[in-house]
Amino acid sequence: MMMFMMIMSLMMSMLFPMMSHPLSMGLILIMQTIIIAMISGMMINMFWFSYILIMTILSGMLVLFIYMASVASNEKFNSSLKTSMCMMLMFSLSIILSFFVDQLEMKKNWSPKKESIMDAEYLLTLNKMFNIHNMYIIVMMVTYLFLTMIVISYIVNVHEGPLRMKN
């Protein structure tokens, strides 16, 4: 399952430059965020960090969706044959590859020793995320989110700014 999600994440990353419409780019970004949140939740065995990531990115994407829908409201949403064929090819290859990888993983035998090691790793998941080495990244993310919140509150002002009502 993890391999399938990683392949899907790679596929979304390869499809992003092929998109020309801003709303399709936003959709690809939302799907990429959901896949990355699921991968990180499976890796650290706790989904609360993934939930916060999804809520933060989706709230920002909703503001961008409102902005782009008001700016580019009459543009047609066209998809090229090349993009559709590339997407279908990558999707079918990822399904085939994930099927073979799942078959190989089913052949592994789990011993009680491996299960106890996995339980010990589960207890150390918070230690992996919030330690002294990751402190600068966490402070930078909090500062970035705070500045983004301030900028969005100025963009969404009703009386002035890009989203003002037109008479």
N, C-alpha and C. Protein backbone atom coordinates (compact mmCIF):
# COMPACT_ATOMS: atom_id res chain seq x y z
N MET A 1 0.82 -1.20 0.00
CA MET A 1 0.00 0.00 0.00
C MET A 1 0.86 1.26 0.00
N MET A 2 1.95 1.20 0.79
CA MET A 2 2.84 2.35 0.87
C MET A 2 3.51 2.60 -0.48
N MET A 3 3.90 1.53 -1.15
CA MET A 3 4.55 1.66 -2.46
C MET A 3 3.58 2.26 -3.48
N PHE A 4 2.32 1.85 -3.43
CA PHE A 4 1.31 2.39 -4.33
C PHE A 4 1.14 3.89 -4.11
N MET A 5 1.12 4.31 -2.85
CA MET A 5 0.97 5.74 -2.57
C MET A 5 2.19 6.54 -3.01
N MET A 6 3.36 5.96 -2.86
CA MET A 6 4.56 6.66 -3.31
C MET A 6 4.57 6.80 -4.83
N ILE A 7 4.12 5.77 -5.52
CA ILE A 7 4.05 5.84 -6.98
C ILE A 7 3.01 6.86 -7.40
N MET A 8 1.88 6.90 -6.70
CA MET A 8 0.85 7.90 -7.00
C MET A 8 1.37 9.31 -6.75
N SER A 9 2.16 9.49 -5.69
CA SER A 9 2.75 10.80 -5.41
C SER A 9 3.71 11.20 -6.52
N LEU A 10 4.51 10.25 -6.98
CA LEU A 10 5.41 10.53 -8.10
C LEU A 10 4.64 10.86 -9.36
N MET A 11 3.54 10.16 -9.59
CA MET A 11 2.70 10.42 -10.76
C MET A 11 2.10 11.82 -10.70
N MET A 12 1.62 12.23 -9.53
CA MET A 12 1.06 13.57 -9.38
C MET A 12 2.13 14.64 -9.60
N SER A 13 3.34 14.36 -9.13
CA SER A 13 4.44 15.31 -9.33
C SER A 13 4.80 15.45 -10.80
N MET A 14 4.69 14.35 -11.55
CA MET A 14 4.99 14.41 -12.98
C MET A 14 3.86 15.05 -13.77
N LEU A 15 2.62 14.95 -13.29
CA LEU A 15 1.49 15.54 -13.99
C LEU A 15 1.37 17.04 -13.77
N PHE A 16 1.89 17.53 -12.66
CA PHE A 16 1.71 18.95 -12.32
C PHE A 16 2.24 19.90 -13.39
N PRO A 17 3.44 19.69 -13.95
CA PRO A 17 3.91 20.62 -14.99
C PRO A 17 3.12 20.55 -16.29
N MET A 18 2.39 19.46 -16.51
CA MET A 18 1.61 19.33 -17.75
C MET A 18 0.30 20.09 -17.70
N MET A 19 -0.13 20.51 -16.53
CA MET A 19 -1.41 21.21 -16.41
C MET A 19 -1.24 22.68 -16.79
N SER A 20 -2.25 23.22 -17.46
CA SER A 20 -2.17 24.62 -17.87
C SER A 20 -3.21 25.49 -17.17
N HIS A 21 -4.28 24.89 -16.68
CA HIS A 21 -5.33 25.66 -16.03
C HIS A 21 -5.04 25.72 -14.52
N PRO A 22 -5.23 26.88 -13.90
CA PRO A 22 -4.92 27.01 -12.47
C PRO A 22 -5.77 26.10 -11.57
N LEU A 23 -7.02 25.86 -11.95
CA LEU A 23 -7.86 25.01 -11.12
C LEU A 23 -7.43 23.55 -11.19
N SER A 24 -6.95 23.10 -12.35
CA SER A 24 -6.44 21.73 -12.43
C SER A 24 -5.14 21.59 -11.64
N MET A 25 -4.33 22.64 -11.63
CA MET A 25 -3.12 22.62 -10.81
C MET A 25 -3.47 22.54 -9.33
N GLY A 26 -4.51 23.26 -8.94
CA GLY A 26 -4.95 23.20 -7.55
C GLY A 26 -5.46 21.82 -7.17
N LEU A 27 -6.18 21.17 -8.08
CA LEU A 27 -6.67 19.82 -7.82
C LEU A 27 -5.52 18.83 -7.67
N ILE A 28 -4.51 18.95 -8.53
CA ILE A 28 -3.33 18.08 -8.43
C ILE A 28 -2.62 18.33 -7.10
N LEU A 29 -2.52 19.59 -6.69
CA LEU A 29 -1.86 19.92 -5.43
C LEU A 29 -2.63 19.37 -4.23
N ILE A 30 -3.95 19.41 -4.28
CA ILE A 30 -4.76 18.85 -3.19
C ILE A 30 -4.58 17.34 -3.12
N MET A 31 -4.61 16.66 -4.27
CA MET A 31 -4.43 15.21 -4.27
C MET A 31 -3.03 14.83 -3.79
N GLN A 32 -2.02 15.60 -4.19
CA GLN A 32 -0.65 15.36 -3.75
C GLN A 32 -0.54 15.53 -2.23
N THR A 33 -1.21 16.54 -1.69
CA THR A 33 -1.18 16.76 -0.25
C THR A 33 -1.82 15.61 0.51
N ILE A 34 -2.94 15.13 0.02
CA ILE A 34 -3.62 14.01 0.68
C ILE A 34 -2.75 12.76 0.65
N ILE A 35 -2.11 12.50 -0.48
CA ILE A 35 -1.24 11.32 -0.58
C ILE A 35 -0.05 11.44 0.35
N ILE A 36 0.58 12.61 0.40
CA ILE A 36 1.74 12.80 1.27
C ILE A 36 1.34 12.71 2.74
N ALA A 37 0.16 13.23 3.08
CA ALA A 37 -0.32 13.13 4.46
C ALA A 37 -0.56 11.67 4.84
N MET A 38 -1.10 10.89 3.93
CA MET A 38 -1.32 9.47 4.23
C MET A 38 0.01 8.72 4.36
N ILE A 39 0.98 9.05 3.51
CA ILE A 39 2.29 8.41 3.60
C ILE A 39 2.97 8.76 4.93
N SER A 40 2.95 10.04 5.30
CA SER A 40 3.60 10.43 6.56
C SER A 40 2.87 9.85 7.76
N GLY A 41 1.56 9.73 7.68
CA GLY A 41 0.82 9.11 8.78
C GLY A 41 1.17 7.65 8.95
N MET A 42 1.37 6.95 7.84
CA MET A 42 1.76 5.54 7.93
C MET A 42 3.20 5.37 8.40
N MET A 43 4.05 6.33 8.06
CA MET A 43 5.45 6.20 8.45
C MET A 43 5.66 6.45 9.93
N ILE A 44 4.96 7.43 10.50
CA ILE A 44 5.18 7.73 11.92
C ILE A 44 4.11 7.14 12.82
N ASN A 45 3.18 6.39 12.25
CA ASN A 45 2.13 5.68 12.99
C ASN A 45 1.21 6.59 13.80
N MET A 46 1.16 7.85 13.47
CA MET A 46 0.22 8.78 14.09
C MET A 46 -0.31 9.69 13.00
N PHE A 47 -1.62 9.83 12.94
CA PHE A 47 -2.21 10.59 11.86
C PHE A 47 -2.59 12.00 12.26
N TRP A 48 -2.30 12.44 13.48
CA TRP A 48 -2.71 13.79 13.86
C TRP A 48 -1.88 14.84 13.13
N PHE A 49 -0.61 14.57 12.90
CA PHE A 49 0.22 15.51 12.14
C PHE A 49 -0.26 15.59 10.70
N SER A 50 -0.65 14.46 10.14
CA SER A 50 -1.19 14.44 8.78
C SER A 50 -2.50 15.20 8.70
N TYR A 51 -3.32 15.07 9.72
CA TYR A 51 -4.60 15.79 9.77
C TYR A 51 -4.37 17.30 9.79
N ILE A 52 -3.41 17.75 10.58
CA ILE A 52 -3.09 19.18 10.64
C ILE A 52 -2.56 19.65 9.29
N LEU A 53 -1.72 18.84 8.64
CA LEU A 53 -1.19 19.20 7.32
C LEU A 53 -2.31 19.34 6.31
N ILE A 54 -3.23 18.39 6.29
CA ILE A 54 -4.34 18.45 5.33
C ILE A 54 -5.21 19.67 5.59
N MET A 55 -5.53 19.93 6.85
CA MET A 55 -6.40 21.07 7.16
C MET A 55 -5.74 22.40 6.78
N THR A 56 -4.44 22.51 7.01
CA THR A 56 -3.73 23.75 6.68
C THR A 56 -3.67 23.95 5.17
N ILE A 57 -3.25 22.94 4.44
CA ILE A 57 -3.13 23.07 2.99
C ILE A 57 -4.49 23.27 2.34
N LEU A 58 -5.51 22.53 2.79
CA LEU A 58 -6.83 22.68 2.19
C LEU A 58 -7.43 24.06 2.45
N SER A 59 -7.18 24.62 3.63
CA SER A 59 -7.70 25.97 3.88
C SER A 59 -7.02 26.98 2.97
N GLY A 60 -5.73 26.85 2.78
CA GLY A 60 -5.04 27.74 1.85
C GLY A 60 -5.48 27.53 0.41
N MET A 61 -5.72 26.28 0.04
CA MET A 61 -6.17 25.99 -1.32
C MET A 61 -7.59 26.50 -1.57
N LEU A 62 -8.43 26.51 -0.55
CA LEU A 62 -9.78 27.05 -0.73
C LEU A 62 -9.73 28.56 -0.98
N VAL A 63 -8.83 29.25 -0.29
CA VAL A 63 -8.68 30.68 -0.56
C VAL A 63 -8.16 30.90 -1.98
N LEU A 64 -7.19 30.10 -2.40
CA LEU A 64 -6.69 30.21 -3.78
C LEU A 64 -7.75 29.85 -4.80
N PHE A 65 -8.60 28.87 -4.48
CA PHE A 65 -9.68 28.49 -5.38
C PHE A 65 -10.66 29.64 -5.56
N ILE A 66 -11.02 30.31 -4.47
CA ILE A 66 -11.93 31.46 -4.57
C ILE A 66 -11.29 32.55 -5.42
N TYR A 67 -10.02 32.81 -5.18
CA TYR A 67 -9.32 33.85 -5.94
C TYR A 67 -9.26 33.50 -7.42
N MET A 68 -8.87 32.27 -7.75
CA MET A 68 -8.73 31.89 -9.15
C MET A 68 -10.09 31.76 -9.83
N ALA A 69 -11.11 31.36 -9.11
CA ALA A 69 -12.44 31.27 -9.71
C ALA A 69 -12.99 32.65 -10.03
N SER A 70 -12.61 33.66 -9.23
CA SER A 70 -13.08 35.01 -9.53
C SER A 70 -12.26 35.65 -10.65
N VAL A 71 -10.99 35.32 -10.76
CA VAL A 71 -10.14 35.91 -11.79
C VAL A 71 -10.34 35.21 -13.13
N ALA A 72 -10.33 33.88 -13.13
CA ALA A 72 -10.41 33.11 -14.38
C ALA A 72 -11.72 32.34 -14.43
N SER A 73 -12.82 33.03 -14.30
CA SER A 73 -14.10 32.33 -14.20
C SER A 73 -14.62 31.85 -15.55
N ASN A 74 -14.26 32.51 -16.65
CA ASN A 74 -14.82 32.15 -17.95
C ASN A 74 -13.88 31.33 -18.82
N GLU A 75 -12.74 30.92 -18.30
CA GLU A 75 -11.82 30.11 -19.09
C GLU A 75 -12.32 28.68 -19.18
N LYS A 76 -12.12 28.08 -20.35
CA LYS A 76 -12.53 26.69 -20.53
C LYS A 76 -11.49 25.77 -19.93
N PHE A 77 -11.97 24.67 -19.45
CA PHE A 77 -11.12 23.66 -18.82
C PHE A 77 -10.88 22.56 -19.84
N ASN A 78 -9.79 22.66 -20.59
CA ASN A 78 -9.48 21.69 -21.64
C ASN A 78 -8.38 20.75 -21.17
N SER A 79 -8.51 19.51 -21.54
CA SER A 79 -7.43 18.55 -21.27
C SER A 79 -6.97 17.98 -22.60
N SER A 80 -5.67 17.90 -22.76
CA SER A 80 -5.14 17.41 -24.02
C SER A 80 -5.10 15.88 -24.02
N LEU A 81 -5.04 15.32 -25.20
CA LEU A 81 -4.98 13.87 -25.36
C LEU A 81 -3.65 13.33 -24.82
N LYS A 82 -2.59 14.11 -24.99
CA LYS A 82 -1.27 13.71 -24.51
C LYS A 82 -1.27 13.56 -22.99
N THR A 83 -1.87 14.51 -22.30
CA THR A 83 -1.92 14.46 -20.84
C THR A 83 -2.78 13.29 -20.37
N SER A 84 -3.91 13.08 -21.03
CA SER A 84 -4.79 11.97 -20.65
C SER A 84 -4.12 10.62 -20.86
N MET A 85 -3.43 10.45 -21.97
CA MET A 85 -2.74 9.19 -22.25
C MET A 85 -1.60 8.96 -21.26
N CYS A 86 -0.87 10.03 -20.97
CA CYS A 86 0.24 9.92 -20.01
C CYS A 86 -0.29 9.54 -18.63
N MET A 87 -1.40 10.14 -18.23
CA MET A 87 -1.98 9.85 -16.93
C MET A 87 -2.48 8.41 -16.86
N MET A 88 -3.14 7.94 -17.92
CA MET A 88 -3.63 6.56 -17.93
C MET A 88 -2.48 5.56 -17.92
N LEU A 89 -1.40 5.85 -18.65
CA LEU A 89 -0.24 4.97 -18.67
C LEU A 89 0.41 4.89 -17.30
N MET A 90 0.63 6.04 -16.66
CA MET A 90 1.26 6.03 -15.35
C MET A 90 0.38 5.36 -14.30
N PHE A 91 -0.93 5.57 -14.38
CA PHE A 91 -1.84 4.95 -13.42
C PHE A 91 -1.85 3.43 -13.58
N SER A 92 -1.89 2.95 -14.82
CA SER A 92 -1.89 1.49 -15.02
C SER A 92 -0.56 0.88 -14.60
N LEU A 93 0.55 1.55 -14.88
CA LEU A 93 1.85 1.03 -14.45
C LEU A 93 1.96 1.00 -12.93
N SER A 94 1.41 2.02 -12.27
CA SER A 94 1.48 2.03 -10.80
C SER A 94 0.63 0.92 -10.20
N ILE A 95 -0.51 0.62 -10.78
CA ILE A 95 -1.34 -0.48 -10.28
C ILE A 95 -0.63 -1.81 -10.47
N ILE A 96 -0.03 -2.02 -11.64
CA ILE A 96 0.67 -3.28 -11.90
C ILE A 96 1.87 -3.43 -10.97
N LEU A 97 2.65 -2.36 -10.80
CA LEU A 97 3.82 -2.42 -9.93
C LEU A 97 3.43 -2.64 -8.48
N SER A 98 2.38 -1.97 -8.03
CA SER A 98 1.96 -2.16 -6.63
C SER A 98 1.43 -3.56 -6.40
N PHE A 99 0.80 -4.17 -7.40
CA PHE A 99 0.34 -5.55 -7.27
C PHE A 99 1.50 -6.50 -7.06
N PHE A 100 2.58 -6.33 -7.84
CA PHE A 100 3.73 -7.21 -7.69
C PHE A 100 4.45 -6.97 -6.37
N VAL A 101 4.54 -5.73 -5.94
CA VAL A 101 5.20 -5.43 -4.67
C VAL A 101 4.40 -6.00 -3.51
N ASP A 102 3.07 -5.89 -3.56
CA ASP A 102 2.23 -6.46 -2.51
C ASP A 102 2.36 -7.98 -2.45
N GLN A 103 2.50 -8.63 -3.60
CA GLN A 103 2.69 -10.07 -3.61
C GLN A 103 4.01 -10.45 -2.94
N LEU A 104 5.06 -9.64 -3.17
CA LEU A 104 6.35 -9.92 -2.53
C LEU A 104 6.29 -9.68 -1.03
N GLU A 105 5.56 -8.65 -0.60
CA GLU A 105 5.49 -8.35 0.82
C GLU A 105 4.66 -9.37 1.58
N MET A 106 3.72 -10.02 0.92
CA MET A 106 2.90 -11.03 1.59
C MET A 106 3.71 -12.27 1.95
N LYS A 107 4.80 -12.49 1.25
CA LYS A 107 5.61 -13.68 1.50
C LYS A 107 6.49 -13.53 2.73
N LYS A 108 6.62 -12.33 3.27
CA LYS A 108 7.43 -12.12 4.46
C LYS A 108 6.74 -12.76 5.67
N ASN A 109 7.55 -13.33 6.53
CA ASN A 109 7.02 -13.92 7.76
C ASN A 109 7.28 -12.96 8.91
N TRP A 110 6.27 -12.72 9.72
CA TRP A 110 6.41 -11.84 10.87
C TRP A 110 6.69 -12.67 12.11
N SER A 111 7.71 -12.30 12.81
CA SER A 111 8.04 -12.99 14.06
C SER A 111 7.62 -12.10 15.24
N PRO A 112 7.45 -12.68 16.43
CA PRO A 112 7.10 -11.86 17.60
C PRO A 112 8.16 -10.82 17.93
N LYS A 113 9.42 -11.12 17.60
CA LYS A 113 10.48 -10.15 17.88
C LYS A 113 10.30 -8.90 17.03
N LYS A 114 9.92 -9.07 15.76
CA LYS A 114 9.68 -7.92 14.89
C LYS A 114 8.50 -7.09 15.38
N GLU A 115 7.46 -7.76 15.90
CA GLU A 115 6.31 -7.03 16.42
C GLU A 115 6.67 -6.22 17.65
N SER A 116 7.52 -6.76 18.53
CA SER A 116 7.92 -6.00 19.71
C SER A 116 8.79 -4.81 19.33
N ILE A 117 9.61 -4.97 18.30
CA ILE A 117 10.42 -3.84 17.82
C ILE A 117 9.52 -2.76 17.24
N MET A 118 8.48 -3.16 16.52
CA MET A 118 7.54 -2.19 15.96
C MET A 118 6.78 -1.47 17.05
N ASP A 119 6.43 -2.16 18.15
CA ASP A 119 5.75 -1.51 19.27
C ASP A 119 6.66 -0.49 19.94
N ALA A 120 7.95 -0.82 20.06
CA ALA A 120 8.90 0.12 20.66
C ALA A 120 9.08 1.35 19.77
N GLU A 121 9.07 1.15 18.45
CA GLU A 121 9.17 2.29 17.54
C GLU A 121 7.94 3.17 17.62
N TYR A 122 6.79 2.58 17.86
CA TYR A 122 5.55 3.34 17.98
C TYR A 122 5.61 4.29 19.17
N LEU A 123 6.27 3.88 20.25
CA LEU A 123 6.37 4.74 21.42
C LEU A 123 7.32 5.91 21.20
N LEU A 124 8.23 5.79 20.25
CA LEU A 124 9.22 6.84 20.01
C LEU A 124 8.86 7.75 18.85
N THR A 125 7.63 7.71 18.36
CA THR A 125 7.28 8.50 17.18
C THR A 125 7.31 9.99 17.46
N LEU A 126 6.86 10.43 18.62
CA LEU A 126 6.91 11.86 18.94
C LEU A 126 8.34 12.33 19.11
N ASN A 127 9.20 11.46 19.61
CA ASN A 127 10.60 11.82 19.76
C ASN A 127 11.24 12.05 18.40
N LYS A 128 10.80 11.30 17.38
CA LYS A 128 11.35 11.48 16.05
C LYS A 128 10.93 12.81 15.44
N MET A 129 9.71 13.24 15.76
CA MET A 129 9.19 14.43 15.11
C MET A 129 9.66 15.72 15.79
N PHE A 130 9.62 15.77 17.11
CA PHE A 130 9.96 16.98 17.84
C PHE A 130 11.24 16.77 18.62
N ASN A 131 12.36 16.85 17.95
CA ASN A 131 13.64 16.79 18.64
C ASN A 131 14.45 18.04 18.29
N ILE A 132 15.62 18.15 18.84
CA ILE A 132 16.42 19.37 18.69
C ILE A 132 16.87 19.58 17.25
N HIS A 133 17.01 18.50 16.48
CA HIS A 133 17.45 18.62 15.10
C HIS A 133 16.37 19.21 14.20
N ASN A 134 15.12 18.95 14.53
CA ASN A 134 14.00 19.45 13.72
C ASN A 134 13.44 20.77 14.22
N MET A 135 14.04 21.35 15.25
CA MET A 135 13.50 22.56 15.86
C MET A 135 13.42 23.71 14.87
N TYR A 136 14.46 23.92 14.08
CA TYR A 136 14.47 25.05 13.15
C TYR A 136 13.41 24.89 12.06
N ILE A 137 13.20 23.68 11.60
CA ILE A 137 12.17 23.45 10.58
C ILE A 137 10.79 23.71 11.15
N ILE A 138 10.55 23.28 12.38
CA ILE A 138 9.23 23.49 13.00
C ILE A 138 8.99 24.97 13.25
N VAL A 139 9.99 25.69 13.73
CA VAL A 139 9.83 27.14 13.95
C VAL A 139 9.60 27.85 12.62
N MET A 140 10.29 27.44 11.56
CA MET A 140 10.09 28.04 10.25
C MET A 140 8.69 27.76 9.74
N MET A 141 8.17 26.55 9.94
CA MET A 141 6.82 26.23 9.49
C MET A 141 5.78 27.04 10.25
N VAL A 142 5.94 27.20 11.55
CA VAL A 142 4.99 27.99 12.33
C VAL A 142 5.02 29.44 11.90
N THR A 143 6.21 29.99 11.66
CA THR A 143 6.33 31.37 11.20
C THR A 143 5.71 31.54 9.82
N TYR A 144 5.94 30.58 8.93
CA TYR A 144 5.36 30.63 7.59
C TYR A 144 3.84 30.59 7.65
N LEU A 145 3.29 29.72 8.48
CA LEU A 145 1.83 29.64 8.61
C LEU A 145 1.25 30.93 9.19
N PHE A 146 1.95 31.53 10.14
CA PHE A 146 1.48 32.79 10.73
C PHE A 146 1.48 33.91 9.69
N LEU A 147 2.57 34.02 8.92
CA LEU A 147 2.62 35.05 7.89
C LEU A 147 1.59 34.80 6.79
N THR A 148 1.37 33.54 6.44
CA THR A 148 0.35 33.21 5.45
C THR A 148 -1.04 33.60 5.94
N MET A 149 -1.30 33.39 7.21
CA MET A 149 -2.60 33.78 7.77
C MET A 149 -2.79 35.29 7.71
N ILE A 150 -1.74 36.06 7.98
CA ILE A 150 -1.84 37.52 7.91
C ILE A 150 -2.07 37.96 6.48
N VAL A 151 -1.34 37.40 5.52
CA VAL A 151 -1.50 37.78 4.11
C VAL A 151 -2.90 37.44 3.61
N ILE A 152 -3.40 36.27 3.97
CA ILE A 152 -4.74 35.87 3.52
C ILE A 152 -5.81 36.77 4.12
N SER A 153 -5.61 37.19 5.36
CA SER A 153 -6.62 38.08 5.96
C SER A 153 -6.63 39.43 5.25
N TYR A 154 -5.50 39.88 4.71
CA TYR A 154 -5.50 41.13 3.93
C TYR A 154 -6.07 40.92 2.53
N ILE A 155 -5.85 39.75 1.93
CA ILE A 155 -6.37 39.48 0.59
C ILE A 155 -7.89 39.39 0.60
N VAL A 156 -8.46 38.82 1.64
CA VAL A 156 -9.89 38.55 1.68
C VAL A 156 -10.67 39.73 2.25
N ASN A 157 -10.07 40.88 2.40
CA ASN A 157 -10.77 42.06 2.88
C ASN A 157 -11.91 42.40 1.90
N VAL A 158 -13.10 42.65 2.43
CA VAL A 158 -14.30 42.81 1.59
C VAL A 158 -14.28 44.12 0.81
N HIS A 159 -13.78 45.18 1.39
CA HIS A 159 -13.89 46.50 0.78
C HIS A 159 -12.76 46.84 -0.17
N GLU A 160 -11.64 46.21 -0.04
CA GLU A 160 -10.52 46.48 -0.95
C GLU A 160 -9.73 45.20 -1.16
N GLY A 161 -8.90 45.20 -2.18
CA GLY A 161 -8.12 44.01 -2.47
C GLY A 161 -8.64 43.29 -3.70
N PRO A 162 -8.03 42.18 -4.06
CA PRO A 162 -8.39 41.47 -5.29
C PRO A 162 -9.78 40.84 -5.27
N LEU A 163 -10.35 40.59 -4.10
CA LEU A 163 -11.65 39.93 -4.04
C LEU A 163 -12.78 40.90 -3.70
N ARG A 164 -12.61 42.19 -4.00
CA ARG A 164 -13.67 43.15 -3.67
C ARG A 164 -14.85 42.98 -4.63
N MET A 165 -16.00 43.41 -4.18
CA MET A 165 -17.22 43.34 -4.99
C MET A 165 -17.15 44.40 -6.08
N LYS A 166 -17.55 44.02 -7.30
CA LYS A 166 -17.55 44.96 -8.42
C LYS A 166 -18.97 45.41 -8.68
N ASN A 167 -19.13 46.70 -8.93
CA ASN A 167 -20.47 47.26 -9.20
C ASN A 167 -20.77 47.27 -10.68
